[in-house]
C-alpha cells in the first residue's frame, strides 16, 4: 500500500496549527507524510516584509515540532486575494495539489475572514475528483479560532463538525507548536490564546467521547 499523505491548506501562518495541529502530529506519528501549503501572510502594503518573514520563521519552527515533511509558502499578501483573477488563485493551489498528490486534504472553513472563503473556494476547485484528484480519499474543512466562531448565526454558514479526530495523544504538541507564533498569539482571554485552544479541543473531544479533539466538516470521502 502506498504511503498516505496529508495536505493542509492554510490561508495564513498559524491557521494550520489552530485548526489541524493535533491531527497533523497524530498523522506523523502514524507514519504518514504531511505537507502544509500556506497561501498568504502579513506582507506589504498592509504590513512590513519583516513582519511577514517573522511569521514564516515561526511557522517553520511550529512545523518542525509537528514533524511536517514539507512547508510551501505562496507568499501572497493577506486580504488581497480578492484582487486576483479567480483562475490565477485556482491555478496556484491546483499546481500544489497536483505536485503533492495527497490522500487527504484539509482546508479552511469559509468563515469571517475573506481569505478563508476564497481559499476554500479555490481548494475545492483544485481537489475535484477528476484526473489526479481521484487519488484524494478525504476532503474536509477545519475551524480556525477566532474567525470561524465570528460568523453570524443563521445568516452565514456555521461550523458544525461531522467528524472529530481524537488528538488526546498530541494536544500538548499542538499547543507547543502554537506557542511558536509569538507575534500572532495573544494572552488569555484572547480568542486565539493557548488556553482558548485547549478549551476548544476539550469541548470538541467531549462531543465525541475523547479527552481532546479537532472538529472537521467532512466534504467528500471516497475510500
N, C-alpha and C. Protein backbone atom coordinates (compact mmCIF):
# COMPACT_ATOMS: atom_id res chain seq x y z
N UNK A 1 0.84 -1.19 0.00
CA UNK A 1 0.00 0.00 0.00
C UNK A 1 0.88 1.25 0.00
N UNK A 2 0.55 2.23 -0.82
CA UNK A 2 1.30 3.46 -0.88
C UNK A 2 1.17 4.24 0.43
N UNK A 3 2.22 4.98 0.76
CA UNK A 3 2.22 5.80 1.97
C UNK A 3 1.20 6.92 1.85
N UNK A 4 0.39 7.11 2.87
CA UNK A 4 -0.63 8.14 2.87
C UNK A 4 0.01 9.51 3.08
N UNK A 5 -0.60 10.54 2.47
CA UNK A 5 -0.06 11.89 2.61
C UNK A 5 -1.19 12.87 2.88
N UNK A 6 -0.97 13.72 3.88
CA UNK A 6 -1.95 14.72 4.30
C UNK A 6 -1.49 16.09 3.82
N UNK A 7 -2.38 16.81 3.13
CA UNK A 7 -2.12 18.19 2.72
C UNK A 7 -3.04 19.12 3.50
N UNK A 8 -2.44 20.07 4.22
CA UNK A 8 -3.21 21.08 4.94
C UNK A 8 -3.04 22.40 4.21
N UNK A 9 -4.15 22.99 3.79
CA UNK A 9 -4.12 24.28 3.11
C UNK A 9 -4.44 25.36 4.13
N UNK A 10 -3.48 26.27 4.36
CA UNK A 10 -3.63 27.32 5.37
C UNK A 10 -3.68 28.67 4.68
N UNK A 11 -4.71 29.47 4.92
CA UNK A 11 -4.72 30.82 4.34
C UNK A 11 -3.54 31.66 4.80
N UNK A 12 -3.17 31.53 6.11
CA UNK A 12 -2.10 32.34 6.70
C UNK A 12 -1.30 31.49 7.68
N UNK A 13 -0.06 31.88 7.97
CA UNK A 13 0.69 31.18 9.02
C UNK A 13 -0.06 31.23 10.35
N UNK A 14 -0.19 30.13 10.98
CA UNK A 14 -0.82 29.80 12.27
C UNK A 14 -2.19 29.16 12.11
N UNK A 15 -2.87 29.39 10.97
CA UNK A 15 -4.18 28.77 10.77
C UNK A 15 -4.08 27.25 10.81
N UNK A 16 -2.99 26.70 10.26
CA UNK A 16 -2.83 25.24 10.20
C UNK A 16 -2.67 24.64 11.59
N UNK A 17 -1.99 25.34 12.49
CA UNK A 17 -1.81 24.82 13.85
C UNK A 17 -3.10 24.98 14.65
N UNK A 18 -3.74 26.13 14.52
CA UNK A 18 -5.00 26.37 15.22
C UNK A 18 -6.04 25.31 14.86
N UNK A 19 -6.13 24.99 13.58
CA UNK A 19 -7.18 24.08 13.14
C UNK A 19 -6.81 22.62 13.10
N UNK A 20 -5.53 22.32 12.80
CA UNK A 20 -5.18 20.95 12.45
C UNK A 20 -3.91 20.45 13.14
N UNK A 21 -3.34 21.24 14.06
CA UNK A 21 -2.06 20.87 14.65
C UNK A 21 -2.02 19.49 15.27
N UNK A 22 -3.06 19.13 16.01
CA UNK A 22 -3.09 17.83 16.66
C UNK A 22 -3.25 16.69 15.66
N UNK A 23 -4.07 16.90 14.64
CA UNK A 23 -4.27 15.87 13.62
C UNK A 23 -3.01 15.65 12.81
N UNK A 24 -2.31 16.74 12.47
CA UNK A 24 -1.05 16.60 11.75
C UNK A 24 -0.05 15.79 12.56
N UNK A 25 0.09 16.12 13.84
CA UNK A 25 1.04 15.40 14.69
C UNK A 25 0.66 13.92 14.81
N UNK A 26 -0.62 13.65 14.92
CA UNK A 26 -1.09 12.26 15.01
C UNK A 26 -0.78 11.51 13.72
N UNK A 27 -0.97 12.18 12.59
CA UNK A 27 -0.71 11.56 11.29
C UNK A 27 0.77 11.25 11.14
N UNK A 28 1.64 12.18 11.58
CA UNK A 28 3.08 11.95 11.51
C UNK A 28 3.47 10.75 12.38
N UNK A 29 2.92 10.68 13.59
CA UNK A 29 3.23 9.56 14.49
C UNK A 29 2.82 8.22 13.90
N UNK A 30 1.78 8.24 13.06
CA UNK A 30 1.30 7.00 12.44
C UNK A 30 2.11 6.64 11.19
N UNK A 31 3.10 7.48 10.84
CA UNK A 31 3.95 7.17 9.70
C UNK A 31 3.55 7.84 8.40
N UNK A 32 2.56 8.72 8.45
CA UNK A 32 2.11 9.41 7.24
C UNK A 32 2.95 10.64 6.95
N UNK A 33 2.87 11.12 5.72
CA UNK A 33 3.54 12.34 5.34
C UNK A 33 2.61 13.53 5.47
N UNK A 34 3.14 14.70 5.80
CA UNK A 34 2.34 15.90 5.96
C UNK A 34 3.00 17.06 5.21
N UNK A 35 2.20 17.75 4.39
CA UNK A 35 2.64 18.97 3.73
C UNK A 35 1.69 20.09 4.13
N UNK A 36 2.23 21.28 4.39
CA UNK A 36 1.42 22.46 4.66
C UNK A 36 1.63 23.45 3.52
N UNK A 37 0.53 23.85 2.91
CA UNK A 37 0.53 24.86 1.86
C UNK A 37 -0.05 26.15 2.44
N UNK A 38 0.79 27.17 2.63
CA UNK A 38 0.35 28.45 3.18
C UNK A 38 0.20 29.45 2.04
N UNK A 39 -0.98 30.02 1.92
CA UNK A 39 -1.31 30.84 0.75
C UNK A 39 -0.83 32.28 0.88
N UNK A 40 -1.11 32.95 1.98
CA UNK A 40 -0.83 34.38 2.11
C UNK A 40 -0.32 34.68 3.51
N UNK A 41 0.02 35.96 3.73
CA UNK A 41 0.50 36.35 5.04
C UNK A 41 0.59 37.86 5.17
N UNK A 42 1.13 38.30 6.29
CA UNK A 42 1.21 39.73 6.61
C UNK A 42 2.34 40.40 5.82
N UNK A 43 2.02 40.70 4.57
CA UNK A 43 3.01 41.29 3.67
C UNK A 43 2.62 42.72 3.31
N UNK A 44 3.54 43.48 2.70
CA UNK A 44 3.18 44.81 2.19
C UNK A 44 2.03 44.68 1.19
N UNK A 45 1.13 45.66 1.10
CA UNK A 45 1.29 47.01 1.63
C UNK A 45 0.75 47.22 3.05
N UNK A 46 0.03 46.27 3.60
CA UNK A 46 -0.55 46.47 4.93
C UNK A 46 0.46 46.24 6.05
N UNK A 47 1.45 45.40 5.81
CA UNK A 47 2.44 45.07 6.83
C UNK A 47 3.84 45.17 6.22
N UNK A 48 4.82 45.22 7.07
CA UNK A 48 6.20 45.24 6.57
C UNK A 48 6.64 43.83 6.20
N UNK A 49 7.62 43.76 5.33
CA UNK A 49 8.15 42.45 4.94
C UNK A 49 8.80 41.75 6.13
N UNK A 50 9.34 42.51 7.06
CA UNK A 50 9.96 41.93 8.25
C UNK A 50 8.93 41.19 9.10
N UNK A 51 7.74 41.75 9.20
CA UNK A 51 6.67 41.09 9.95
C UNK A 51 6.33 39.74 9.31
N UNK A 52 6.23 39.75 7.98
CA UNK A 52 5.89 38.50 7.29
C UNK A 52 6.98 37.45 7.49
N UNK A 53 8.23 37.85 7.34
CA UNK A 53 9.32 36.88 7.47
C UNK A 53 9.37 36.30 8.88
N UNK A 54 8.99 37.09 9.88
CA UNK A 54 8.93 36.56 11.24
C UNK A 54 7.87 35.47 11.35
N UNK A 55 6.71 35.69 10.75
CA UNK A 55 5.66 34.67 10.82
C UNK A 55 6.07 33.41 10.06
N UNK A 56 6.82 33.56 8.99
CA UNK A 56 7.30 32.38 8.26
C UNK A 56 8.27 31.59 9.13
N UNK A 57 9.17 32.29 9.82
CA UNK A 57 10.10 31.61 10.72
C UNK A 57 9.34 30.89 11.83
N UNK A 58 8.32 31.55 12.36
CA UNK A 58 7.51 30.94 13.41
C UNK A 58 6.79 29.71 12.89
N UNK A 59 6.27 29.79 11.68
CA UNK A 59 5.57 28.65 11.08
C UNK A 59 6.52 27.48 10.88
N UNK A 60 7.71 27.75 10.39
CA UNK A 60 8.68 26.67 10.16
C UNK A 60 9.07 26.00 11.48
N UNK A 61 9.20 26.80 12.54
CA UNK A 61 9.52 26.22 13.85
C UNK A 61 8.38 25.34 14.34
N UNK A 62 7.15 25.81 14.16
CA UNK A 62 5.98 25.01 14.55
C UNK A 62 5.89 23.73 13.74
N UNK A 63 6.15 23.83 12.45
CA UNK A 63 6.10 22.65 11.57
C UNK A 63 7.16 21.62 11.97
N UNK A 64 8.33 22.12 12.35
CA UNK A 64 9.38 21.19 12.78
C UNK A 64 8.96 20.42 14.02
N UNK A 65 8.30 21.10 14.96
CA UNK A 65 7.81 20.42 16.16
C UNK A 65 6.79 19.34 15.81
N UNK A 66 5.91 19.68 14.88
CA UNK A 66 4.85 18.74 14.48
C UNK A 66 5.41 17.56 13.71
N UNK A 67 6.45 17.83 12.91
CA UNK A 67 7.01 16.80 12.05
C UNK A 67 6.57 16.93 10.61
N UNK A 68 6.20 18.16 10.22
CA UNK A 68 5.77 18.41 8.84
C UNK A 68 6.92 18.10 7.89
N UNK A 69 6.60 17.40 6.82
CA UNK A 69 7.61 16.97 5.86
C UNK A 69 8.01 18.10 4.91
N UNK A 70 7.02 18.91 4.53
CA UNK A 70 7.30 19.98 3.58
C UNK A 70 6.40 21.18 3.86
N UNK A 71 6.99 22.36 3.84
CA UNK A 71 6.24 23.61 4.03
C UNK A 71 6.35 24.44 2.76
N UNK A 72 5.20 24.74 2.14
CA UNK A 72 5.17 25.52 0.91
C UNK A 72 4.51 26.87 1.22
N UNK A 73 5.16 27.96 0.86
CA UNK A 73 4.62 29.30 1.07
C UNK A 73 4.46 29.98 -0.29
N UNK A 74 3.23 30.36 -0.63
CA UNK A 74 2.99 31.06 -1.89
C UNK A 74 3.32 32.54 -1.80
N UNK A 75 3.47 33.06 -0.59
CA UNK A 75 3.96 34.43 -0.37
C UNK A 75 3.03 35.51 -0.92
N UNK A 76 1.74 35.25 -0.97
CA UNK A 76 0.79 36.28 -1.39
C UNK A 76 0.46 37.18 -0.19
N UNK A 77 -0.10 38.36 -0.46
CA UNK A 77 -0.41 39.31 0.60
C UNK A 77 -1.80 39.06 1.15
N UNK A 78 -1.91 39.02 2.47
CA UNK A 78 -3.21 38.80 3.12
C UNK A 78 -4.19 39.90 2.76
N UNK A 79 -5.44 39.52 2.65
CA UNK A 79 -6.60 40.37 2.34
C UNK A 79 -6.58 40.95 0.92
N UNK A 80 -5.63 40.51 0.09
CA UNK A 80 -5.60 40.99 -1.30
C UNK A 80 -5.95 39.89 -2.29
N UNK A 81 -6.29 38.70 -1.79
CA UNK A 81 -6.58 37.58 -2.69
C UNK A 81 -7.77 37.89 -3.59
N UNK A 82 -8.71 38.70 -3.08
CA UNK A 82 -9.88 39.04 -3.87
C UNK A 82 -9.55 39.88 -5.10
N UNK A 83 -8.37 40.51 -5.10
CA UNK A 83 -7.95 41.30 -6.25
C UNK A 83 -7.36 40.44 -7.36
N UNK A 84 -7.07 39.18 -7.05
CA UNK A 84 -6.53 38.27 -8.05
C UNK A 84 -7.65 37.76 -8.95
N UNK A 85 -7.31 37.40 -10.16
CA UNK A 85 -8.27 36.72 -11.01
C UNK A 85 -8.50 35.32 -10.45
N UNK A 86 -9.74 34.89 -10.46
CA UNK A 86 -10.09 33.62 -9.83
C UNK A 86 -9.26 32.47 -10.37
N UNK A 87 -9.07 32.44 -11.67
CA UNK A 87 -8.34 31.30 -12.24
C UNK A 87 -6.87 31.30 -11.82
N UNK A 88 -6.33 32.46 -11.45
CA UNK A 88 -4.94 32.51 -11.01
C UNK A 88 -4.77 31.85 -9.65
N UNK A 89 -5.65 32.19 -8.71
CA UNK A 89 -5.57 31.56 -7.39
C UNK A 89 -5.89 30.07 -7.51
N UNK A 90 -6.91 29.73 -8.28
CA UNK A 90 -7.23 28.32 -8.50
C UNK A 90 -6.01 27.57 -9.02
N UNK A 91 -5.32 28.18 -9.98
CA UNK A 91 -4.18 27.51 -10.60
C UNK A 91 -3.02 27.31 -9.65
N UNK A 92 -2.74 28.30 -8.79
CA UNK A 92 -1.65 28.17 -7.83
C UNK A 92 -1.90 27.01 -6.87
N UNK A 93 -3.12 26.93 -6.37
CA UNK A 93 -3.44 25.85 -5.44
C UNK A 93 -3.50 24.51 -6.16
N UNK A 94 -4.06 24.49 -7.35
CA UNK A 94 -4.16 23.24 -8.12
C UNK A 94 -2.78 22.67 -8.42
N UNK A 95 -1.82 23.53 -8.77
CA UNK A 95 -0.48 23.04 -9.08
C UNK A 95 0.16 22.41 -7.85
N UNK A 96 -0.06 23.01 -6.69
CA UNK A 96 0.49 22.44 -5.46
C UNK A 96 -0.16 21.09 -5.14
N UNK A 97 -1.47 21.01 -5.32
CA UNK A 97 -2.18 19.75 -5.08
C UNK A 97 -1.67 18.66 -6.02
N UNK A 98 -1.49 19.00 -7.27
CA UNK A 98 -1.01 18.02 -8.25
C UNK A 98 0.41 17.57 -7.95
N UNK A 99 1.22 18.49 -7.42
CA UNK A 99 2.60 18.14 -7.08
C UNK A 99 2.66 17.25 -5.85
N UNK A 100 1.88 17.57 -4.84
CA UNK A 100 1.91 16.81 -3.58
C UNK A 100 1.22 15.47 -3.73
N UNK A 101 0.13 15.43 -4.49
CA UNK A 101 -0.70 14.23 -4.70
C UNK A 101 -1.14 13.63 -3.35
N UNK A 102 -1.90 14.40 -2.59
CA UNK A 102 -2.29 13.98 -1.23
C UNK A 102 -3.37 12.91 -1.22
N UNK A 103 -3.44 12.21 -0.10
CA UNK A 103 -4.52 11.26 0.16
C UNK A 103 -5.68 11.97 0.84
N UNK A 104 -5.34 12.91 1.74
CA UNK A 104 -6.33 13.69 2.49
C UNK A 104 -6.00 15.17 2.32
N UNK A 105 -7.02 15.99 2.10
CA UNK A 105 -6.84 17.44 2.02
C UNK A 105 -7.73 18.09 3.06
N UNK A 106 -7.13 18.91 3.92
CA UNK A 106 -7.86 19.65 4.93
C UNK A 106 -7.74 21.14 4.59
N UNK A 107 -8.87 21.81 4.47
CA UNK A 107 -8.92 23.20 4.01
C UNK A 107 -9.71 24.04 4.99
N UNK A 108 -9.54 25.36 4.95
CA UNK A 108 -10.23 26.23 5.91
C UNK A 108 -11.73 26.31 5.65
N UNK A 109 -12.49 26.37 6.73
CA UNK A 109 -13.92 26.60 6.62
C UNK A 109 -14.16 28.03 6.13
N UNK A 110 -15.18 28.26 5.29
CA UNK A 110 -15.43 29.61 4.75
C UNK A 110 -16.07 30.52 5.79
N UNK A 111 -15.22 31.14 6.61
CA UNK A 111 -15.70 31.88 7.77
C UNK A 111 -15.59 33.39 7.58
N UNK A 112 -15.42 34.11 8.70
CA UNK A 112 -15.44 35.57 8.71
C UNK A 112 -14.34 36.21 7.87
N UNK A 113 -13.18 35.55 7.76
CA UNK A 113 -12.06 36.13 7.04
C UNK A 113 -12.21 35.89 5.54
N UNK A 114 -12.16 36.96 4.75
CA UNK A 114 -12.37 36.85 3.32
C UNK A 114 -11.35 35.91 2.68
N UNK A 115 -10.11 35.90 3.16
CA UNK A 115 -9.11 34.99 2.60
C UNK A 115 -9.50 33.54 2.82
N UNK A 116 -10.09 33.23 3.96
CA UNK A 116 -10.51 31.86 4.24
C UNK A 116 -11.57 31.42 3.23
N UNK A 117 -12.49 32.31 2.93
CA UNK A 117 -13.56 31.97 1.98
C UNK A 117 -13.00 31.74 0.57
N UNK A 118 -12.09 32.60 0.16
CA UNK A 118 -11.52 32.48 -1.18
C UNK A 118 -10.65 31.23 -1.30
N UNK A 119 -9.87 30.94 -0.26
CA UNK A 119 -9.04 29.74 -0.29
C UNK A 119 -9.89 28.49 -0.26
N UNK A 120 -10.98 28.52 0.49
CA UNK A 120 -11.92 27.39 0.49
C UNK A 120 -12.44 27.13 -0.92
N UNK A 121 -12.91 28.17 -1.60
CA UNK A 121 -13.46 28.01 -2.94
C UNK A 121 -12.42 27.46 -3.91
N UNK A 122 -11.23 28.03 -3.89
CA UNK A 122 -10.20 27.61 -4.83
C UNK A 122 -9.70 26.19 -4.54
N UNK A 123 -9.63 25.82 -3.27
CA UNK A 123 -9.18 24.47 -2.94
C UNK A 123 -10.20 23.42 -3.36
N UNK A 124 -11.48 23.76 -3.26
CA UNK A 124 -12.50 22.83 -3.74
C UNK A 124 -12.38 22.61 -5.25
N UNK A 125 -12.05 23.66 -5.97
CA UNK A 125 -11.83 23.51 -7.40
C UNK A 125 -10.62 22.62 -7.65
N UNK A 126 -9.55 22.84 -6.88
CA UNK A 126 -8.30 22.10 -7.08
C UNK A 126 -8.40 20.64 -6.69
N UNK A 127 -9.38 20.28 -5.87
CA UNK A 127 -9.49 18.90 -5.38
C UNK A 127 -10.67 18.16 -5.98
N UNK A 128 -11.21 18.67 -7.08
CA UNK A 128 -12.32 17.97 -7.74
C UNK A 128 -11.90 16.54 -8.09
N UNK A 129 -12.83 15.58 -8.01
CA UNK A 129 -12.48 14.18 -8.28
C UNK A 129 -12.35 13.87 -9.77
N UNK A 130 -11.41 14.54 -10.41
CA UNK A 130 -11.10 14.28 -11.82
C UNK A 130 -9.59 14.15 -11.95
N UNK A 131 -9.14 13.36 -12.91
CA UNK A 131 -7.71 13.13 -13.15
C UNK A 131 -7.02 12.72 -11.84
N UNK A 132 -5.95 13.41 -11.44
CA UNK A 132 -5.23 13.03 -10.22
C UNK A 132 -6.07 13.28 -8.97
N UNK A 133 -7.12 14.11 -9.10
CA UNK A 133 -7.99 14.36 -7.97
C UNK A 133 -8.71 13.11 -7.49
N UNK A 134 -8.80 12.09 -8.32
CA UNK A 134 -9.45 10.84 -7.91
C UNK A 134 -8.61 10.09 -6.87
N UNK A 135 -7.35 10.48 -6.68
CA UNK A 135 -6.50 9.85 -5.67
C UNK A 135 -6.81 10.37 -4.27
N UNK A 136 -7.52 11.49 -4.18
CA UNK A 136 -7.84 12.09 -2.88
C UNK A 136 -9.00 11.34 -2.25
N UNK A 137 -8.78 10.81 -1.07
CA UNK A 137 -9.79 9.99 -0.41
C UNK A 137 -10.71 10.81 0.49
N UNK A 138 -10.17 11.88 1.09
CA UNK A 138 -10.96 12.68 2.01
C UNK A 138 -10.67 14.16 1.78
N UNK A 139 -11.73 14.97 1.73
CA UNK A 139 -11.63 16.42 1.71
C UNK A 139 -12.50 16.92 2.86
N UNK A 140 -11.93 17.71 3.77
CA UNK A 140 -12.68 18.18 4.93
C UNK A 140 -12.22 19.58 5.32
N UNK A 141 -13.14 20.35 5.92
CA UNK A 141 -12.85 21.72 6.34
C UNK A 141 -12.63 21.77 7.85
N UNK A 142 -11.67 22.58 8.26
CA UNK A 142 -11.35 22.74 9.67
C UNK A 142 -11.76 24.12 10.18
N UNK A 143 -11.91 24.23 11.48
CA UNK A 143 -12.26 25.52 12.09
C UNK A 143 -11.01 26.25 12.55
N UNK A 144 -11.09 27.58 12.55
CA UNK A 144 -9.94 28.40 12.93
C UNK A 144 -10.37 29.45 13.95
N UNK A 145 -9.95 29.26 15.20
CA UNK A 145 -10.16 30.33 16.17
C UNK A 145 -9.41 31.57 15.68
N UNK A 146 -9.99 32.70 15.68
CA UNK A 146 -11.30 33.08 16.13
C UNK A 146 -12.27 33.28 14.98
N UNK A 147 -11.75 33.30 13.75
CA UNK A 147 -12.55 33.68 12.59
C UNK A 147 -13.79 32.81 12.39
N UNK A 148 -13.64 31.50 12.55
CA UNK A 148 -14.76 30.60 12.32
C UNK A 148 -15.90 30.86 13.30
N UNK A 149 -15.55 31.30 14.51
CA UNK A 149 -16.56 31.48 15.55
C UNK A 149 -17.20 32.86 15.52
N UNK A 150 -16.77 33.69 14.59
CA UNK A 150 -17.33 35.04 14.49
C UNK A 150 -18.31 35.18 13.32
N UNK A 151 -18.71 34.08 12.69
CA UNK A 151 -19.76 34.14 11.69
C UNK A 151 -21.09 34.51 12.34
N UNK A 152 -21.99 35.07 11.53
CA UNK A 152 -23.30 35.48 12.04
C UNK A 152 -24.26 34.29 11.99
N UNK A 153 -24.72 33.79 13.14
CA UNK A 153 -25.58 32.60 13.16
C UNK A 153 -26.83 32.76 12.31
N UNK A 154 -27.10 31.75 11.51
CA UNK A 154 -28.30 31.63 10.67
C UNK A 154 -28.30 32.60 9.47
N UNK A 155 -27.36 33.52 9.44
CA UNK A 155 -27.21 34.40 8.27
C UNK A 155 -26.11 33.85 7.38
N UNK A 156 -25.05 33.36 8.01
CA UNK A 156 -23.94 32.72 7.31
C UNK A 156 -23.85 31.27 7.77
N UNK A 157 -23.08 30.45 7.03
CA UNK A 157 -22.88 29.07 7.48
C UNK A 157 -22.19 29.03 8.83
N UNK A 158 -22.62 28.13 9.68
CA UNK A 158 -21.99 27.94 10.98
C UNK A 158 -21.25 26.61 10.99
N UNK A 159 -20.06 26.60 11.58
CA UNK A 159 -19.26 25.39 11.62
C UNK A 159 -19.89 24.38 12.57
N UNK A 160 -20.30 23.25 12.02
CA UNK A 160 -20.85 22.15 12.81
C UNK A 160 -20.13 20.88 12.41
N UNK A 161 -19.20 20.40 13.21
CA UNK A 161 -18.39 19.25 12.80
C UNK A 161 -19.20 17.97 12.68
N UNK A 162 -18.90 17.22 11.63
CA UNK A 162 -19.48 15.88 11.49
C UNK A 162 -18.39 14.81 11.50
N UNK A 163 -17.19 15.24 11.88
CA UNK A 163 -16.05 14.33 12.05
C UNK A 163 -15.14 14.95 13.09
N UNK A 164 -14.78 14.18 14.13
CA UNK A 164 -13.88 14.66 15.16
C UNK A 164 -12.70 13.70 15.25
N UNK A 165 -11.50 14.27 15.17
CA UNK A 165 -10.28 13.46 15.29
C UNK A 165 -9.81 13.49 16.73
N UNK A 166 -9.52 12.34 17.30
CA UNK A 166 -9.04 12.24 18.67
C UNK A 166 -7.58 12.68 18.71
N UNK A 167 -7.30 13.81 19.37
CA UNK A 167 -5.93 14.31 19.48
C UNK A 167 -5.45 14.30 20.93
N UNK A 168 -6.04 13.43 21.73
CA UNK A 168 -5.66 13.37 23.14
C UNK A 168 -4.15 13.13 23.29
N UNK A 169 -3.60 12.32 22.40
CA UNK A 169 -2.18 11.99 22.48
C UNK A 169 -1.26 13.05 21.90
N UNK A 170 -1.83 14.06 21.23
CA UNK A 170 -0.98 15.08 20.58
C UNK A 170 -1.37 16.51 20.94
N UNK A 171 -2.27 16.68 21.91
CA UNK A 171 -2.71 18.03 22.27
C UNK A 171 -1.55 18.89 22.76
N UNK A 172 -0.62 18.30 23.51
CA UNK A 172 0.48 19.10 24.05
C UNK A 172 1.43 19.55 22.94
N UNK A 173 1.63 18.71 21.94
CA UNK A 173 2.46 19.11 20.79
C UNK A 173 1.78 20.24 20.04
N UNK A 174 0.46 20.16 19.87
CA UNK A 174 -0.30 21.21 19.18
C UNK A 174 -0.13 22.54 19.91
N UNK A 175 -0.28 22.54 21.22
CA UNK A 175 -0.19 23.78 21.99
C UNK A 175 1.24 24.32 22.00
N UNK A 176 2.21 23.44 22.03
CA UNK A 176 3.61 23.87 21.98
C UNK A 176 3.91 24.50 20.62
N UNK A 177 3.37 23.90 19.56
CA UNK A 177 3.56 24.45 18.22
C UNK A 177 2.90 25.82 18.10
N UNK A 178 1.72 25.97 18.68
CA UNK A 178 1.05 27.27 18.65
C UNK A 178 1.88 28.33 19.34
N UNK A 179 2.56 27.95 20.41
CA UNK A 179 3.37 28.90 21.16
C UNK A 179 4.55 29.44 20.35
N UNK A 180 4.88 28.79 19.24
CA UNK A 180 5.94 29.29 18.36
C UNK A 180 5.55 30.62 17.73
N UNK A 181 4.24 30.86 17.57
CA UNK A 181 3.77 32.08 16.91
C UNK A 181 3.66 33.23 17.91
N UNK A 182 4.80 33.65 18.42
CA UNK A 182 4.80 34.69 19.45
C UNK A 182 4.26 36.01 18.93
N UNK A 183 4.38 36.25 17.63
CA UNK A 183 3.90 37.52 17.07
C UNK A 183 2.40 37.51 16.80
N UNK A 184 1.78 36.35 16.87
CA UNK A 184 0.39 36.22 16.45
C UNK A 184 -0.57 35.83 17.58
N UNK A 185 -0.09 35.11 18.56
CA UNK A 185 -0.98 34.52 19.57
C UNK A 185 -1.06 35.41 20.80
N UNK A 186 -2.26 35.88 21.15
CA UNK A 186 -2.43 36.77 22.31
C UNK A 186 -2.48 36.00 23.62
N UNK A 187 -2.36 36.74 24.69
CA UNK A 187 -2.54 36.15 26.01
C UNK A 187 -4.03 35.93 26.28
N UNK A 188 -4.36 35.01 27.18
CA UNK A 188 -5.74 34.78 27.59
C UNK A 188 -6.28 36.06 28.23
N UNK A 189 -7.52 36.48 27.93
CA UNK A 189 -8.58 35.73 27.25
C UNK A 189 -8.67 35.96 25.74
N UNK A 190 -7.57 36.19 25.08
CA UNK A 190 -7.59 36.33 23.64
C UNK A 190 -8.19 35.10 22.98
N UNK A 191 -8.94 35.30 21.90
CA UNK A 191 -9.66 34.21 21.26
C UNK A 191 -8.73 33.15 20.68
N UNK A 192 -7.48 33.54 20.37
CA UNK A 192 -6.53 32.58 19.82
C UNK A 192 -5.45 32.22 20.82
N UNK A 193 -5.69 32.44 22.07
CA UNK A 193 -4.70 32.11 23.10
C UNK A 193 -4.56 30.61 23.25
N UNK A 194 -3.46 30.21 23.87
CA UNK A 194 -3.22 28.79 24.11
C UNK A 194 -4.33 28.20 24.97
N UNK A 195 -4.77 28.95 25.97
CA UNK A 195 -5.84 28.47 26.86
C UNK A 195 -7.15 28.28 26.10
N UNK A 196 -7.47 29.22 25.20
CA UNK A 196 -8.70 29.10 24.42
C UNK A 196 -8.65 27.90 23.50
N UNK A 197 -7.47 27.64 22.92
CA UNK A 197 -7.35 26.50 22.02
C UNK A 197 -7.47 25.18 22.77
N UNK A 198 -6.90 25.12 23.98
CA UNK A 198 -7.06 23.91 24.79
C UNK A 198 -8.53 23.69 25.13
N UNK A 199 -9.23 24.77 25.48
CA UNK A 199 -10.64 24.65 25.84
C UNK A 199 -11.46 24.15 24.66
N UNK A 200 -11.18 24.67 23.46
CA UNK A 200 -11.90 24.21 22.28
C UNK A 200 -11.63 22.74 22.03
N UNK A 201 -10.36 22.33 22.13
CA UNK A 201 -10.01 20.93 21.91
C UNK A 201 -10.69 20.01 22.92
N UNK A 202 -10.81 20.47 24.15
CA UNK A 202 -11.51 19.68 25.17
C UNK A 202 -13.00 19.57 24.83
N UNK A 203 -13.59 20.69 24.41
CA UNK A 203 -15.00 20.68 24.05
C UNK A 203 -15.26 19.76 22.87
N UNK A 204 -14.47 19.89 21.80
CA UNK A 204 -14.65 19.02 20.64
C UNK A 204 -14.43 17.56 21.00
N UNK A 205 -13.46 17.32 21.86
CA UNK A 205 -13.20 15.94 22.27
C UNK A 205 -14.37 15.34 23.01
N UNK A 206 -14.91 16.09 23.97
CA UNK A 206 -16.02 15.54 24.75
C UNK A 206 -17.29 15.39 23.92
N UNK A 207 -17.40 16.12 22.82
CA UNK A 207 -18.53 15.90 21.92
C UNK A 207 -18.52 14.51 21.32
N UNK A 208 -17.32 13.91 21.25
CA UNK A 208 -17.18 12.61 20.60
C UNK A 208 -16.66 11.53 21.55
N UNK A 209 -16.56 11.86 22.84
CA UNK A 209 -16.13 10.87 23.80
C UNK A 209 -14.62 10.77 23.96
N UNK A 210 -13.88 11.80 23.53
CA UNK A 210 -12.43 11.83 23.67
C UNK A 210 -12.04 12.84 24.76
N UNK A 211 -10.77 12.79 25.13
CA UNK A 211 -10.28 13.81 26.03
C UNK A 211 -10.14 15.15 25.30
N UNK A 212 -9.51 15.09 24.11
CA UNK A 212 -9.31 16.27 23.28
C UNK A 212 -9.55 15.90 21.82
N UNK A 213 -10.10 16.84 21.07
CA UNK A 213 -10.39 16.55 19.66
C UNK A 213 -10.27 17.78 18.78
N UNK A 214 -10.19 17.54 17.48
CA UNK A 214 -10.28 18.59 16.47
C UNK A 214 -11.46 18.27 15.57
N UNK A 215 -12.32 19.27 15.38
CA UNK A 215 -13.52 19.06 14.59
C UNK A 215 -13.32 19.42 13.13
N UNK A 216 -13.99 18.67 12.26
CA UNK A 216 -13.94 18.91 10.82
C UNK A 216 -15.34 18.78 10.23
N UNK A 217 -15.56 19.49 9.15
CA UNK A 217 -16.77 19.28 8.36
C UNK A 217 -16.36 18.47 7.13
N UNK A 218 -16.80 17.21 7.11
CA UNK A 218 -16.45 16.31 6.02
C UNK A 218 -17.18 16.72 4.74
N UNK A 219 -16.42 16.98 3.69
CA UNK A 219 -16.99 17.41 2.41
C UNK A 219 -17.13 16.23 1.45
N UNK A 220 -16.09 15.43 1.38
CA UNK A 220 -16.12 14.28 0.47
C UNK A 220 -15.26 13.17 1.02
N UNK A 221 -15.77 11.94 0.96
CA UNK A 221 -14.98 10.77 1.34
C UNK A 221 -15.15 9.71 0.27
N UNK A 222 -14.04 9.30 -0.30
CA UNK A 222 -14.05 8.30 -1.37
C UNK A 222 -12.99 7.25 -1.04
N UNK A 223 -13.38 6.19 -0.36
CA UNK A 223 -12.42 5.16 0.02
C UNK A 223 -12.95 3.79 -0.36
